[in-house]
Protein backbone atom coordinates (compact mmCIF):
# COMPACT_ATOMS: atom_id res chain seq x y z
CA MET A 1 13.76 16.59 2.62
CA SER A 2 10.68 18.65 1.73
CA ILE A 3 8.04 19.56 3.86
CA GLN A 4 5.72 17.22 2.06
CA GLU A 5 7.95 14.50 2.66
CA LYS A 6 8.29 15.13 6.33
CA LEU A 7 4.61 15.40 6.79
CA ASN A 8 3.69 12.15 4.86
CA ASN A 9 6.44 10.17 6.88
CA ARG A 10 5.41 11.52 10.30
CA PRO A 11 3.36 8.84 12.27
CA ARG A 12 -0.30 9.87 12.99
CA LYS A 13 -2.01 8.77 16.33
CA ILE A 14 -5.36 8.83 14.36
CA ILE A 15 -4.37 6.20 11.74
CA GLY A 16 -2.89 3.71 14.42
CA SER A 17 0.59 5.36 14.37
CA LYS A 18 1.33 4.66 11.08
CA THR A 19 2.56 7.36 8.38
CA PRO A 20 0.34 8.44 5.53
CA ASN A 21 2.84 6.62 3.18
CA GLU A 22 2.15 3.54 4.94
CA ILE A 23 -1.37 3.71 4.51
CA ILE A 24 -1.68 4.68 0.88
CA ASP A 25 0.99 1.87 0.11
CA SER A 26 -1.37 -0.87 2.05
CA GLU A 27 -4.30 0.38 0.02
CA LEU A 28 -2.52 0.31 -3.58
CA LYS A 29 -1.35 -3.27 -2.59
CA PHE A 30 -4.91 -4.23 -1.80
CA VAL A 31 -6.41 -2.65 -4.88
CA ALA A 32 -3.69 -4.27 -7.15
CA HIS A 33 -4.18 -7.66 -5.75
CA ASN A 34 -7.92 -7.79 -6.21
CA LEU A 35 -7.67 -6.36 -9.81
CA LEU A 36 -5.28 -8.97 -10.54
CA LYS A 37 -7.18 -11.58 -8.75
CA ASN A 38 -10.20 -11.08 -10.86
CA SER A 39 -8.41 -10.69 -14.04
CA ASN A 40 -6.14 -13.65 -14.60
CA SER A 41 -5.11 -16.56 -12.27
CA CYS A 42 -1.31 -16.71 -13.29
CA CYS A 43 -0.84 -13.08 -12.21
CA VAL A 44 -2.44 -13.80 -8.82
CA ARG A 45 0.25 -16.47 -8.06
CA ALA A 46 3.15 -14.01 -9.26
CA LEU A 47 1.59 -11.14 -7.16
CA ASP A 48 0.90 -13.41 -3.91
CA ALA A 49 4.71 -14.65 -4.35
CA ALA A 50 5.76 -11.06 -4.30
CA PHE A 51 4.10 -10.05 -1.05
């Protein structure tokens, strides 16, 4: 495991004991959901089912 992977998978107190990877993953899901929500209703149903 590289140093970068170790650091990005280490929980941080300042972000609620989550890892940086967990934070970026949740942010990307949020953005993707909002983009699809505004573009096409059938895609929203598929995305909601996936999450």
